[in-house]
Amino acid sequence: FTARLTRAGFRAEEVKVRANGRRGGARHVIWLAAAPS
């Protein structure tokens, strides 16, 4: 998904986090994208 955003002209960043922080839990991926100016 990050590659698709980049190819579309967005500046994309992928952040991987755990549901309960350092205690663990499910893994989530959050995509942050900025539109081209």
PDB file of N, CA and C in Angstrom:
ATOM      1  N   PHE A   1       0.829  -1.190   0.000  1.00  0.00           N
ATOM      2  CA  PHE A   1       0.000   0.000   0.000  1.00  0.00           C
ATOM      3  C   PHE A   1       0.874   1.255   0.000  1.00  0.00           C
ATOM      4  N   THR A   2       1.966   1.204   0.742  1.00  0.00           N
ATOM      5  CA  THR A   2       2.884   2.347   0.769  1.00  0.00           C
ATOM      6  C   THR A   2       3.419   2.644  -0.625  1.00  0.00           C
ATOM      7  N   ALA A   3       3.779   1.607  -1.360  1.00  0.00           N
ATOM      8  CA  ALA A   3       4.292   1.794  -2.723  1.00  0.00           C
ATOM      9  C   ALA A   3       3.229   2.399  -3.630  1.00  0.00           C
ATOM     10  N   ARG A   4       1.990   1.989  -3.471  1.00  0.00           N
ATOM     11  CA  ARG A   4       0.904   2.545  -4.294  1.00  0.00           C
ATOM     12  C   ARG A   4       0.704   4.024  -4.012  1.00  0.00           C
ATOM     13  N   LEU A   5       0.768   4.413  -2.747  1.00  0.00           N
ATOM     14  CA  LEU A   5       0.637   5.828  -2.402  1.00  0.00           C
ATOM     15  C   LEU A   5       1.781   6.637  -3.006  1.00  0.00           C
ATOM     16  N   THR A   6       2.988   6.097  -2.919  1.00  0.00           N
ATOM     17  CA  THR A   6       4.155   6.793  -3.460  1.00  0.00           C
ATOM     18  C   THR A   6       4.047   6.950  -4.972  1.00  0.00           C
ATOM     19  N   ARG A   7       3.632   5.898  -5.660  1.00  0.00           N
ATOM     20  CA  ARG A   7       3.470   5.970  -7.121  1.00  0.00           C
ATOM     21  C   ARG A   7       2.396   6.972  -7.517  1.00  0.00           C
ATOM     22  N   ALA A   8       1.407   7.184  -6.650  1.00  0.00           N
ATOM     23  CA  ALA A   8       0.334   8.135  -6.940  1.00  0.00           C
ATOM     24  C   ALA A   8       0.750   9.574  -6.628  1.00  0.00           C
ATOM     25  N   GLY A   9       1.989   9.755  -6.136  1.00  0.00           N
ATOM     26  CA  GLY A   9       2.490  11.093  -5.897  1.00  0.00           C
ATOM     27  C   GLY A   9       2.433  11.550  -4.453  1.00  0.00           C
ATOM     28  N   PHE A  10       1.982  10.683  -3.566  1.00  0.00           N
ATOM     29  CA  PHE A  10       1.916  11.040  -2.151  1.00  0.00           C
ATOM     30  C   PHE A  10       3.245  10.757  -1.471  1.00  0.00           C
ATOM     31  N   ARG A  11       3.514  11.485  -0.406  1.00  0.00           N
ATOM     32  CA  ARG A  11       4.656  11.186   0.455  1.00  0.00           C
ATOM     33  C   ARG A  11       4.099  10.291   1.556  1.00  0.00           C
ATOM     34  N   ALA A  12       4.480   9.024   1.569  1.00  0.00           N
ATOM     35  CA  ALA A  12       3.858   8.049   2.454  1.00  0.00           C
ATOM     36  C   ALA A  12       4.831   7.528   3.501  1.00  0.00           C
ATOM     37  N   GLU A  13       4.267   7.216   4.666  1.00  0.00           N
ATOM     38  CA  GLU A  13       5.049   6.639   5.753  1.00  0.00           C
ATOM     39  C   GLU A  13       4.218   5.536   6.389  1.00  0.00           C
ATOM     40  N   GLU A  14       4.870   4.424   6.712  1.00  0.00           N
ATOM     41  CA  GLU A  14       4.192   3.290   7.327  1.00  0.00           C
ATOM     42  C   GLU A  14       4.685   3.160   8.762  1.00  0.00           C
ATOM     43  N   VAL A  15       3.753   3.130   9.715  1.00  0.00           N
ATOM     44  CA  VAL A  15       4.108   3.014  11.127  1.00  0.00           C
ATOM     45  C   VAL A  15       3.480   1.736  11.667  1.00  0.00           C
ATOM     46  N   LYS A  16       4.319   0.856  12.227  1.00  0.00           N
ATOM     47  CA  LYS A  16       3.819  -0.392  12.807  1.00  0.00           C
ATOM     48  C   LYS A  16       3.770  -0.238  14.322  1.00  0.00           C
ATOM     49  N   VAL A  17       2.611  -0.535  14.905  1.00  0.00           N
ATOM     50  CA  VAL A  17       2.422  -0.380  16.349  1.00  0.00           C
ATOM     51  C   VAL A  17       1.750  -1.619  16.922  1.00  0.00           C
ATOM     52  N   ARG A  18       1.869  -1.778  18.233  1.00  0.00           N
ATOM     53  CA  ARG A  18       1.187  -2.857  18.930  1.00  0.00           C
ATOM     54  C   ARG A  18      -0.051  -2.278  19.608  1.00  0.00           C
ATOM     55  N   ALA A  19      -1.092  -3.078  19.738  1.00  0.00           N
ATOM     56  CA  ALA A  19      -2.359  -2.614  20.296  1.00  0.00           C
ATOM     57  C   ALA A  19      -2.207  -2.103  21.730  1.00  0.00           C
ATOM     58  N   ASN A  20      -1.365  -2.754  22.521  1.00  0.00           N
ATOM     59  CA  ASN A  20      -1.197  -2.366  23.920  1.00  0.00           C
ATOM     60  C   ASN A  20       0.191  -1.812  24.191  1.00  0.00           C
ATOM     61  N   GLY A  21       0.761  -1.167  23.214  1.00  0.00           N
ATOM     62  CA  GLY A  21       2.091  -0.593  23.408  1.00  0.00           C
ATOM     63  C   GLY A  21       3.136  -1.671  23.625  1.00  0.00           C
ATOM     64  N   ARG A  22       3.962  -1.482  24.613  1.00  0.00           N
ATOM     65  CA  ARG A  22       5.049  -2.436  24.874  1.00  0.00           C
ATOM     66  C   ARG A  22       4.555  -3.741  25.474  1.00  0.00           C
ATOM     67  N   ARG A  23       3.335  -3.760  25.998  1.00  0.00           N
ATOM     68  CA  ARG A  23       2.806  -4.984  26.602  1.00  0.00           C
ATOM     69  C   ARG A  23       2.396  -6.000  25.560  1.00  0.00           C
ATOM     70  N   GLY A  24       2.322  -5.599  24.300  1.00  0.00           N
ATOM     71  CA  GLY A  24       1.987  -6.547  23.248  1.00  0.00           C
ATOM     72  C   GLY A  24       0.601  -6.322  22.698  1.00  0.00           C
ATOM     73  N   GLY A  25      -0.020  -7.400  22.302  1.00  0.00           N
ATOM     74  CA  GLY A  25      -1.333  -7.305  21.690  1.00  0.00           C
ATOM     75  C   GLY A  25      -1.232  -7.389  20.181  1.00  0.00           C
ATOM     76  N   ALA A  26      -2.341  -7.161  19.531  1.00  0.00           N
ATOM     77  CA  ALA A  26      -2.391  -7.252  18.072  1.00  0.00           C
ATOM     78  C   ALA A  26      -1.478  -6.210  17.439  1.00  0.00           C
ATOM     79  N   ARG A  27      -1.001  -6.535  16.252  1.00  0.00           N
ATOM     80  CA  ARG A  27      -0.164  -5.588  15.508  1.00  0.00           C
ATOM     81  C   ARG A  27      -1.040  -4.800  14.548  1.00  0.00           C
ATOM     82  N   HIS A  28      -0.780  -3.512  14.457  1.00  0.00           N
ATOM     83  CA  HIS A  28      -1.518  -2.644  13.546  1.00  0.00           C
ATOM     84  C   HIS A  28      -0.528  -1.902  12.669  1.00  0.00           C
ATOM     85  N   VAL A  29      -0.953  -1.578  11.460  1.00  0.00           N
ATOM     86  CA  VAL A  29      -0.141  -0.773  10.556  1.00  0.00           C
ATOM     87  C   VAL A  29      -0.929   0.491  10.255  1.00  0.00           C
ATOM     88  N   ILE A  30      -0.307   1.644  10.462  1.00  0.00           N
ATOM     89  CA  ILE A  30      -0.945   2.932  10.203  1.00  0.00           C
ATOM     90  C   ILE A  30      -0.184   3.604   9.076  1.00  0.00           C
ATOM     91  N   TRP A  31      -0.905   4.021   8.054  1.00  0.00           N
ATOM     92  CA  TRP A  31      -0.285   4.719   6.930  1.00  0.00           C
ATOM     93  C   TRP A  31      -0.573   6.203   7.051  1.00  0.00           C
ATOM     94  N   LEU A  32       0.492   6.998   6.941  1.00  0.00           N
ATOM     95  CA  LEU A  32       0.368   8.452   6.938  1.00  0.00           C
ATOM     96  C   LEU A  32       0.797   8.919   5.557  1.00  0.00           C
ATOM     97  N   ALA A  33      -0.024   9.739   4.935  1.00  0.00           N
ATOM     98  CA  ALA A  33       0.310  10.216   3.594  1.00  0.00           C
ATOM     99  C   ALA A  33      -0.003  11.701   3.484  1.00  0.00           C
ATOM    100  N   ALA A  34       0.885  12.405   2.815  1.00  0.00           N
ATOM    101  CA  ALA A  34       0.690  13.830   2.571  1.00  0.00           C
ATOM    102  C   ALA A  34       0.511  14.037   1.076  1.00  0.00           C
ATOM    103  N   ALA A  35      -0.495  14.820   0.722  1.00  0.00           N
ATOM    104  CA  ALA A  35      -0.759  15.100  -0.689  1.00  0.00           C
ATOM    105  C   ALA A  35       0.347  15.979  -1.258  1.00  0.00           C
ATOM    106  N   PRO A  36       0.620  15.819  -2.541  1.00  0.00           N
ATOM    107  CA  PRO A  36       1.648  16.668  -3.156  1.00  0.00           C
ATOM    108  C   PRO A  36       1.213  18.129  -3.157  1.00  0.00           C
ATOM    109  N   SER A  37       2.175  19.007  -3.009  1.00  0.00           N
ATOM    110  CA  SER A  37       1.834  20.433  -2.962  1.00  0.00           C
ATOM    111  C   SER A  37       1.916  21.079  -4.325  1.00  0.00           C
TER     112      SER A  37
END
